[in-house]
């Protein structure tokens, strides 16, 4: 089963989520839907809402409350992207100028805040305290991840453990919550809820590691954002962390000096890319991502192999490592 087959199976539900996104982002202040729509309508795969739908169905829930909750999850994700692009001074997002370039930093931050508040407004309407607690805890952790990553910006001494902590807080917890919330809606048994939570966590870790690795190997046309941007922004991701731990002292000093002095010219970036490739940083990072995917799949063993939803979750896991954007 391919990801296209999974998306086709949820075509009607995903269309309802799109309707929710359009309906709930409305405002008397026209600039708000303009800015939010710039990113929401830019071609994302809706992986988080999709995982919520699959998990809900796997746990026996097919009611209408799935749609506003999935919209809330996508709003939270979109808000973090708007804020990230301001912090990173990004130029491109999903292949087109980022919102902060088009409308400025202040507008991007405020619309991100609007989307956060709208998400929790939708959550409150579910009347389910467990869901509200889950999402509140998750967004708090994500905020911690943003601050920790900012603290470590430009730190060439960042460890793998610290990197994985950032990935967990910034990416994995939201994908995990998307899956766990489906189990909560279906009033699943504790073991099933935990299994989906851990599945989401593991594919979330793999998702971000793969994303960070693509920054050193994809073309800008395929990736939808500037290649090498993580390095220019001083973000230490796994391919570079591994390389710095295994290259010569001279090469390590070259990288450290370039990052510290912010002398990341195209020529220097090209040299660092070559060093990462030579040191095996890309292969190592992809192997770590594959390990998380294996753990994600293994955790689904408690579900019946014949369940279509289980097969769909396995297909999403495979897609994580094959995606371009």
Protein backbone atom coordinates (compact mmCIF):
# COMPACT_ATOMS: atom_id res chain seq x y z
CA UNK A 1 0.00 0.00 0.00
CA UNK A 2 1.40 3.37 -1.07
CA UNK A 3 0.82 6.75 0.58
CA UNK A 4 -1.39 7.71 -2.38
CA UNK A 5 -3.65 4.76 -1.56
CA UNK A 6 -3.90 5.87 2.05
CA UNK A 7 -4.74 9.43 1.07
CA UNK A 8 -7.35 8.12 -1.36
CA UNK A 9 -9.00 6.09 1.41
CA UNK A 10 -9.47 9.25 3.47
CA UNK A 11 -10.27 11.59 0.59
CA UNK A 12 -13.73 12.52 1.86
CA UNK A 13 -12.60 12.99 5.46
CA UNK A 14 -9.59 15.08 4.41
CA UNK A 15 -11.89 17.26 2.31
CA UNK A 16 -14.02 17.84 5.40
CA UNK A 17 -10.91 18.86 7.31
CA UNK A 18 -10.04 21.30 4.52
CA UNK A 19 -13.52 22.78 4.89
CA UNK A 20 -12.96 23.11 8.63
CA UNK A 21 -9.63 24.84 8.09
CA UNK A 22 -11.22 27.32 5.72
CA UNK A 23 -14.23 27.92 7.96
CA UNK A 24 -12.37 28.28 11.27
CA UNK A 25 -9.65 30.59 9.96
CA UNK A 26 -12.16 33.26 8.99
CA UNK A 27 -11.92 36.62 10.70
CA UNK A 28 -13.24 40.16 10.35
CA UNK A 29 -9.58 41.10 10.01
CA UNK A 30 -8.95 40.07 6.39
CA UNK A 31 -5.20 39.92 6.84
CA UNK A 32 -5.52 36.92 9.17
CA UNK A 33 -7.01 34.44 6.65
CA UNK A 34 -4.74 35.84 3.95
CA UNK A 35 -1.58 35.10 5.94
CA UNK A 36 -2.78 31.80 7.39
CA UNK A 37 -4.04 30.63 4.01
CA UNK A 38 -0.68 31.46 2.41
CA UNK A 39 0.80 28.57 4.38
CA UNK A 40 -2.21 26.32 4.98
CA UNK A 41 -3.02 26.23 1.25
CA UNK A 42 0.58 25.73 0.11
CA UNK A 43 0.45 22.01 -0.54
CA UNK A 44 1.28 20.22 2.71
CA UNK A 45 0.38 16.54 2.86
CA UNK A 46 -1.71 16.93 6.08
CA UNK A 47 0.19 14.03 7.63
CA UNK A 48 -0.79 14.99 11.18
CA UNK A 49 -4.55 15.22 10.50
CA UNK A 50 -4.29 12.02 8.44
CA UNK A 51 -2.68 10.17 11.34
CA UNK A 52 -5.43 11.42 13.63
CA UNK A 53 -8.08 10.08 11.25
CA UNK A 54 -6.39 6.69 10.89
CA UNK A 55 -5.86 6.32 14.64
CA UNK A 56 -9.45 7.31 15.38
CA UNK A 57 -10.81 4.78 12.93
CA UNK A 58 -8.45 2.07 14.21
CA UNK A 59 -9.88 2.64 17.69
CA UNK A 60 -13.47 2.58 16.49
CA UNK A 61 -14.33 6.28 16.38
CA UNK A 62 -15.74 7.78 13.17
CA UNK A 63 -17.77 10.67 14.60
CA UNK A 64 -17.79 14.28 13.47
CA UNK A 65 -15.61 15.55 16.31
CA UNK A 66 -12.57 14.22 14.42
CA UNK A 67 -12.68 17.11 11.98
CA UNK A 68 -12.40 20.17 14.23
CA UNK A 69 -9.77 18.34 16.30
CA UNK A 70 -7.74 17.53 13.18
CA UNK A 71 -8.09 21.19 12.16
CA UNK A 72 -6.81 22.24 15.59
CA UNK A 73 -3.77 19.98 15.14
CA UNK A 74 -3.04 21.53 11.74
CA UNK A 75 -3.49 25.04 13.15
CA UNK A 76 -0.93 24.31 15.87
CA UNK A 77 1.48 22.96 13.28
CA UNK A 78 0.98 25.99 11.02
CA UNK A 79 1.47 28.39 13.94
CA UNK A 80 4.83 26.79 14.74
CA UNK A 81 5.92 27.13 11.10
CA UNK A 82 5.01 30.82 11.05
CA UNK A 83 6.96 31.42 14.25
CA UNK A 84 9.90 29.28 13.08
CA UNK A 85 10.26 31.23 9.86
CA UNK A 86 10.42 34.50 11.80
CA UNK A 87 13.07 33.16 14.15
CA UNK A 88 15.06 31.65 11.28
CA UNK A 89 14.60 34.64 8.98
CA UNK A 90 13.45 32.15 6.36
CA UNK A 91 13.00 33.16 2.74
CA UNK A 92 11.16 30.12 1.38
CA UNK A 93 8.53 27.71 2.73
CA UNK A 94 7.09 24.90 0.60
CA UNK A 95 8.54 26.33 -2.54
CA UNK A 96 7.24 29.90 -2.26
CA UNK A 97 8.16 33.07 -0.32
CA UNK A 98 7.58 32.57 3.40
CA UNK A 99 4.90 34.63 5.15
CA UNK A 100 7.44 36.73 7.05
CA UNK A 101 8.98 37.83 3.76
CA UNK A 102 5.60 38.74 2.26
CA UNK A 103 3.97 40.42 5.29
CA UNK A 104 6.78 40.95 7.79
CA UNK A 105 7.74 39.41 11.12
CA UNK A 106 5.14 41.09 13.31
CA UNK A 107 2.21 39.94 11.20
CA UNK A 108 3.56 36.36 11.02
CA UNK A 109 3.95 36.15 14.80
CA UNK A 110 0.49 37.57 15.49
CA UNK A 111 -1.25 35.31 12.99
CA UNK A 112 0.60 32.37 14.51
CA UNK A 113 -0.80 33.43 17.88
CA UNK A 114 -4.28 33.62 16.34
CA UNK A 115 -3.97 30.05 15.07
CA UNK A 116 -2.82 28.80 18.49
CA UNK A 117 -5.78 30.45 20.19
CA UNK A 118 -8.19 29.17 17.53
CA UNK A 119 -6.86 25.64 18.02
CA UNK A 120 -7.62 25.74 21.74
CA UNK A 121 -11.01 27.29 21.09
CA UNK A 122 -11.79 24.24 18.94
CA UNK A 123 -10.41 21.90 21.59
CA UNK A 124 -12.58 23.46 24.27
CA UNK A 125 -15.65 22.76 22.17
CA UNK A 126 -14.96 19.01 22.31
CA UNK A 127 -15.72 19.13 26.04
CA UNK A 128 -13.13 16.38 26.55
CA UNK A 129 -10.76 17.39 29.34
CA UNK A 130 -8.34 14.58 28.47
CA UNK A 131 -7.89 15.93 24.94
CA UNK A 132 -7.42 19.49 26.22
CA UNK A 133 -4.80 18.29 28.71
CA UNK A 134 -3.01 16.26 26.02
CA UNK A 135 -2.79 19.17 23.61
CA UNK A 136 -1.92 21.72 26.31
CA UNK A 137 0.98 19.60 27.53
CA UNK A 138 2.14 19.03 23.97
CA UNK A 139 2.21 22.74 23.03
CA UNK A 140 4.06 23.56 26.24
CA UNK A 141 6.74 20.99 25.37
CA UNK A 142 6.97 22.38 21.84
CA UNK A 143 7.61 25.85 23.22
CA UNK A 144 10.40 24.46 25.40
CA UNK A 145 11.91 22.87 22.31
CA UNK A 146 11.90 26.19 20.46
CA UNK A 147 13.69 27.94 23.32
CA UNK A 148 16.23 25.12 23.75
CA UNK A 149 17.01 25.11 20.04
CA UNK A 150 17.49 28.88 20.11
CA UNK A 151 19.85 28.51 23.09
CA UNK A 152 21.91 25.97 21.17
CA UNK A 153 21.99 27.87 17.89
CA UNK A 154 25.55 27.95 16.57
CA UNK A 155 26.79 25.53 19.24
CA UNK A 156 29.12 23.13 17.40
CA UNK A 157 29.44 21.17 20.65
CA UNK A 158 25.76 20.11 20.54
CA UNK A 159 25.52 16.43 21.45
CA UNK A 160 23.34 13.78 19.82
CA UNK A 161 21.37 13.54 23.06
CA UNK A 162 20.64 17.27 22.98
CA UNK A 163 19.74 17.11 19.31
CA UNK A 164 17.28 14.28 19.90
CA UNK A 165 15.75 16.27 22.76
CA UNK A 166 15.12 19.17 20.37
CA UNK A 167 13.61 16.85 17.75
CA UNK A 168 11.37 15.24 20.35
CA UNK A 169 10.08 18.56 21.66
CA UNK A 170 9.73 20.38 18.34
CA UNK A 171 8.35 17.63 16.11
CA UNK A 172 7.72 14.23 17.65
CA UNK A 173 5.35 15.32 20.42
CA UNK A 174 2.86 16.87 17.96
CA UNK A 175 2.78 13.82 15.71
CA UNK A 176 2.49 11.62 18.78
CA UNK A 177 -0.43 13.69 20.05
CA UNK A 178 -2.15 13.46 16.66
CA UNK A 179 -2.14 9.67 17.00
CA UNK A 180 -2.89 9.50 20.71
CA UNK A 181 -5.85 11.86 20.37
CA UNK A 182 -7.45 9.41 17.96
CA UNK A 183 -7.18 6.69 20.58
CA UNK A 184 -8.64 9.01 23.21
CA UNK A 185 -11.60 9.75 20.96
CA UNK A 186 -12.12 6.03 20.43
CA UNK A 187 -11.91 5.40 24.19
CA UNK A 188 -9.27 2.78 23.45
CA UNK A 189 -7.69 0.54 26.04
CA UNK A 190 -4.55 1.86 27.70
CA UNK A 191 -2.22 -0.48 25.77
CA UNK A 192 -3.67 0.61 22.41
CA UNK A 193 -3.47 4.28 23.38
CA UNK A 194 0.16 3.90 24.44
CA UNK A 195 1.00 1.97 21.26
CA UNK A 196 -0.36 4.75 19.05
CA UNK A 197 1.33 7.40 21.16
CA UNK A 198 4.69 5.66 20.77
CA UNK A 199 4.12 5.00 17.07
CA UNK A 200 3.55 8.73 16.54
CA UNK A 201 6.59 9.60 18.61
CA UNK A 202 8.87 7.28 16.64
CA UNK A 203 7.73 8.34 13.19
CA UNK A 204 7.94 11.95 14.39
CA UNK A 205 11.58 11.44 15.32
CA UNK A 206 12.25 9.78 11.96
CA UNK A 207 10.37 12.53 10.13
CA UNK A 208 12.56 15.31 11.53
CA UNK A 209 15.82 13.41 11.19
CA UNK A 210 14.99 12.71 7.54
CA UNK A 211 14.02 16.36 7.06
CA UNK A 212 17.31 17.53 8.54
CA UNK A 213 19.25 15.07 6.40
CA UNK A 214 17.49 16.22 3.24
CA UNK A 215 18.93 19.67 3.93
CA UNK A 216 22.31 18.21 2.96
CA UNK A 217 21.28 16.09 0.00
CA UNK A 218 18.10 17.26 -1.78
CA UNK A 219 17.65 19.84 -4.49
CA UNK A 220 15.86 23.04 -3.53
CA UNK A 221 13.15 22.32 -6.12
CA UNK A 222 12.38 18.95 -4.47
CA UNK A 223 12.74 20.10 -0.88
CA UNK A 224 10.65 23.26 -1.02
CA UNK A 225 13.05 25.37 1.00
CA UNK A 226 16.59 26.68 0.72
CA UNK A 227 19.13 23.87 0.80
CA UNK A 228 21.86 24.40 3.41
CA UNK A 229 19.62 26.82 5.30
CA UNK A 230 19.95 24.89 8.57
CA UNK A 231 23.71 25.34 8.45
CA UNK A 232 23.44 29.04 7.59
CA UNK A 233 21.11 29.51 10.57
CA UNK A 234 23.56 27.80 12.90
CA UNK A 235 21.33 24.76 13.46
CA UNK A 236 23.39 21.72 14.37
CA UNK A 237 21.57 18.69 12.99
CA UNK A 238 22.49 15.01 13.06
CA UNK A 239 24.56 14.75 9.83
CA UNK A 240 26.83 17.57 11.02
CA UNK A 241 26.90 16.43 14.66
CA UNK A 242 28.06 12.98 13.58
CA UNK A 243 30.62 14.47 11.19
CA UNK A 244 32.13 16.74 13.84
CA UNK A 245 32.53 13.75 16.14
CA UNK A 246 34.35 11.68 13.49
CA UNK A 247 36.34 14.11 11.33
CA UNK A 248 39.90 15.33 11.83
CA UNK A 249 40.72 18.09 14.28
CA UNK A 250 41.58 20.41 11.38
CA UNK A 251 38.24 19.82 9.66
CA UNK A 252 36.38 20.25 12.94
CA UNK A 253 38.12 23.57 13.55
CA UNK A 254 37.28 24.70 10.01
CA UNK A 255 33.58 24.08 10.61
CA UNK A 256 33.64 25.63 14.08
CA UNK A 257 35.42 28.75 12.82
CA UNK A 258 32.99 29.19 9.91
CA UNK A 259 29.94 28.81 12.18
CA UNK A 260 31.34 31.00 14.98
CA UNK A 261 32.33 33.79 12.61
CA UNK A 262 29.21 33.32 10.45
CA UNK A 263 31.45 33.03 7.41
CA UNK A 264 29.22 30.51 5.66
CA UNK A 265 29.84 31.48 2.06
CA UNK A 266 28.64 29.18 -0.73
CA UNK A 267 32.19 27.86 -1.05
CA UNK A 268 32.45 27.07 2.67
CA UNK A 269 29.03 25.42 2.67
CA UNK A 270 30.09 23.31 -0.30
CA UNK A 271 33.21 22.21 1.61
CA UNK A 272 31.14 21.30 4.68
CA UNK A 273 28.69 19.33 2.54
CA UNK A 274 31.60 17.38 1.06
CA UNK A 275 32.98 16.73 4.53
CA UNK A 276 29.62 15.41 5.76
CA UNK A 277 29.36 13.11 2.77
CA UNK A 278 32.94 11.89 3.24
CA UNK A 279 32.44 11.27 6.98
CA UNK A 280 29.29 9.21 6.48
CA UNK A 281 27.04 11.69 8.27
CA UNK A 282 24.19 11.28 5.80
CA UNK A 283 24.22 7.48 5.89
CA UNK A 284 24.40 7.47 9.68
CA UNK A 285 21.48 9.88 10.01
CA UNK A 286 19.30 7.91 7.63
CA UNK A 287 20.12 4.74 9.56
CA UNK A 288 18.99 6.39 12.79
CA UNK A 289 15.76 7.47 11.08
CA UNK A 290 15.25 3.90 9.86
CA UNK A 291 15.73 2.63 13.41
CA UNK A 292 12.90 4.86 14.62
CA UNK A 293 10.69 3.63 11.77
CA UNK A 294 11.38 0.02 12.76
CA UNK A 295 10.43 0.82 16.36
CA UNK A 296 7.25 2.51 15.17
CA UNK A 297 6.21 -0.53 13.15
CA UNK A 298 7.12 -2.95 15.91
CA UNK A 299 4.92 -1.07 18.36
CA UNK A 300 1.85 -1.75 16.20
CA UNK A 301 2.06 -5.51 16.76
CA UNK A 302 -0.75 -5.39 19.31
CA UNK A 303 -3.18 -4.58 16.49
CA UNK A 304 -4.59 -7.24 14.17
CA UNK A 305 -2.51 -7.61 10.99
CA UNK A 306 -5.70 -7.76 8.94
CA UNK A 307 -6.86 -4.32 10.08
CA UNK A 308 -6.74 -1.97 7.13
CA UNK A 309 -5.88 0.93 9.43
CA UNK A 310 -2.79 -0.87 10.69
CA UNK A 311 -1.61 -1.37 7.12
CA UNK A 312 -2.21 2.33 6.50
CA UNK A 313 -0.08 3.31 9.49
CA UNK A 314 2.70 1.04 8.23
CA UNK A 315 2.47 2.74 4.82
CA UNK A 316 2.75 6.20 6.40
CA UNK A 317 5.85 5.02 8.26
CA UNK A 318 7.43 3.88 4.98
CA UNK A 319 6.54 7.19 3.36
CA UNK A 320 8.42 9.17 6.01
CA UNK A 321 11.76 7.97 4.63
CA UNK A 322 10.84 8.31 0.96
CA UNK A 323 9.30 11.79 0.96
CA UNK A 324 10.69 14.85 -0.78
CA UNK A 325 8.76 17.51 1.12
